[in-house]
Protein backbone atom coordinates (compact mmCIF):
# COMPACT_ATOMS: atom_id res chain seq x y z
CA MET A 1 0.16 0.15 -0.16
CA ASP A 2 1.18 3.16 -0.67
CA LYS A 3 2.91 4.79 2.67
CA LYS A 4 0.29 8.36 1.56
CA ILE A 5 -2.73 6.37 2.13
CA ASP A 6 -1.38 3.80 5.04
CA GLU A 7 -0.91 7.07 6.83
CA ASN A 8 -4.59 8.15 6.19
CA ASN A 9 -5.97 4.81 7.21
CA ILE A 10 -6.55 3.31 10.92
CA ASP A 11 -7.20 -0.99 10.38
CA ALA A 12 -9.26 -0.86 13.44
CA ARG A 13 -11.50 -3.42 14.79
CA VAL A 14 -14.34 -1.56 16.13
CA LYS A 15 -16.53 -2.88 19.01
CA THR A 16 -20.21 -1.48 19.19
CA TYR A 17 -19.89 -0.22 22.51
CA GLN A 18 -16.88 2.12 21.45
CA ILE A 19 -19.69 4.50 19.53
CA ASP A 20 -21.54 7.15 20.64
CA ASN A 21 -25.10 8.40 19.73
CA ASP A 22 -23.74 11.01 18.59
CA GLY A 23 -21.34 8.37 15.30
CA ILE A 24 -18.04 8.69 16.86
CA VAL A 25 -15.70 6.28 17.51
CA HIS A 26 -13.84 6.29 20.52
CA LEU A 27 -10.70 4.36 19.93
CA LYS A 28 -8.61 2.51 22.90
CA ASN A 29 -5.50 4.70 22.57
CA GLY A 30 -7.83 8.03 22.43
CA ILE A 31 -8.40 8.76 19.04
CA LYS A 32 -11.50 9.52 17.54
CA LEU A 33 -13.41 9.58 14.48
CA GLU A 34 -16.87 9.84 12.51
CA LEU A 35 -18.67 6.51 11.76
CA SER A 36 -19.66 8.21 8.52
CA GLN A 37 -16.21 8.75 7.24
CA CYS A 38 -15.13 5.03 8.19
CA LYS A 39 -15.43 2.05 6.13
CA LEU A 40 -16.60 -1.56 6.89
CA ILE A 41 -16.38 -5.41 5.54
CA PRO A 42 -19.46 -6.38 5.33
CA PRO A 43 -20.15 -10.23 7.39
CA GLY A 44 -18.91 -13.02 4.56
CA GLU A 45 -16.88 -10.33 2.00
CA HIS A 46 -13.54 -9.63 1.70
CA LYS A 47 -13.96 -5.90 0.12
CA TYR A 48 -15.35 -2.71 2.17
CA VAL A 49 -17.94 -0.12 1.42
CA ASN A 50 -18.11 3.51 2.56
CA VAL A 51 -20.91 5.00 4.78
CA VAL A 52 -23.62 7.18 2.23
CA MET A 53 -25.10 8.54 5.44
CA MET A 54 -25.84 8.40 9.22
CA PHE A 55 -29.13 9.00 10.39
CA SER A 56 -31.91 7.55 12.93
CA LEU A 57 -33.86 4.41 13.69
CA GLU A 58 -37.12 7.29 12.80
CA ASN A 59 -36.37 7.73 9.13
CA MET A 60 -36.81 3.64 8.65
CA MET A 61 -39.80 2.11 7.07
CA ASN A 62 -39.90 -0.50 9.33
CA PRO A 63 -37.63 0.63 11.94
CA LEU A 64 -35.67 -2.35 13.88
CA THR A 65 -36.88 -1.81 17.81
CA LYS A 66 -34.20 -5.03 19.24
CA CYS A 67 -31.32 -6.16 18.24
CA PRO A 68 -31.99 -9.42 16.06
CA ASN A 69 -29.08 -10.75 17.83
CA CYS A 70 -28.72 -10.60 21.75
CA ASN A 71 -33.13 -8.98 21.73
CA SER A 72 -31.75 -5.67 23.56
CA THR A 73 -34.19 -2.87 23.29
CA ILE A 74 -32.26 -0.26 20.00
CA PRO A 75 -32.41 3.27 21.49
CA TRP A 76 -34.18 5.62 18.61
CA ASP A 77 -30.75 7.95 18.88
CA ARG A 78 -28.25 4.76 18.03
CA PRO A 79 -26.86 5.96 14.22
CA ILE A 80 -27.45 3.31 11.63
CA LEU A 81 -25.46 3.47 8.44
CA LEU A 82 -26.78 3.16 5.15
CA MET A 83 -23.88 1.81 3.16
CA ASP A 84 -23.03 1.76 -0.18
CA ASN A 85 -23.98 -1.85 -0.84
CA ASN A 86 -27.80 -0.59 0.36
CA GLN A 87 -27.53 -2.08 3.16
CA PHE A 88 -27.93 -0.26 6.70
CA VAL A 89 -25.85 -1.01 9.98
CA TYR A 90 -26.23 -0.84 13.63
CA PRO A 91 -24.00 -0.83 16.03
CA CYS A 92 -25.60 -2.87 19.08
CA GLU A 93 -24.40 -1.54 22.44
CA ASP A 94 -24.59 -4.83 24.26
CA CYS A 95 -23.24 -7.16 21.35
CA THR A 96 -22.05 -6.97 17.69
CA TRP A 97 -22.75 -5.10 14.24
CA VAL A 98 -26.34 -6.00 13.02
CA TRP A 99 -26.60 -5.59 8.88
CA ASP A 100 -29.82 -5.52 7.53
CA PRO A 101 -31.59 -5.09 3.90
CA GLN A 102 -34.29 -3.49 4.34
CA THR A 103 -35.53 -0.51 2.29
CA PHE A 104 -34.56 3.81 3.58
CA ASN A 105 -37.87 5.90 4.24
CA MET A 106 -36.28 8.93 1.98
CA VAL A 107 -40.09 10.76 1.53
CA LYS A 108 -39.84 10.77 5.16
CA PHE A 109 -36.13 12.29 5.65
CA ARG A 110 -37.15 14.83 3.21
CA ARG A 111 -39.76 15.95 5.30
CA GLU A 112 -37.98 16.41 8.34
CA LEU A 113 -34.65 18.17 6.01
CA GLN A 114 -37.25 20.69 5.10
């Protein structure tokens, strides 16, 4: 990898409890990153996907109310990521990354922006 590119990338396995509700990743060494600027690797794949936008559960047509992995309640203000592979990603506070392929409610989202 190009040295300049390598200096701008941090290879980290981020645990979901390291992410606050504002979408800031708090790494163990004190570095803070914006989750919306990170790349993630979907389960079972080897290529990174980019974040298209970050929003909250209220903008989903069928919002997740419980984590499908651990059944904990998902707070409304927890960040949700829309990825460039058309999947949603949710960092559960109690367990792991949740990848969900449902439709984004763009109509509701546009109304809220106005």
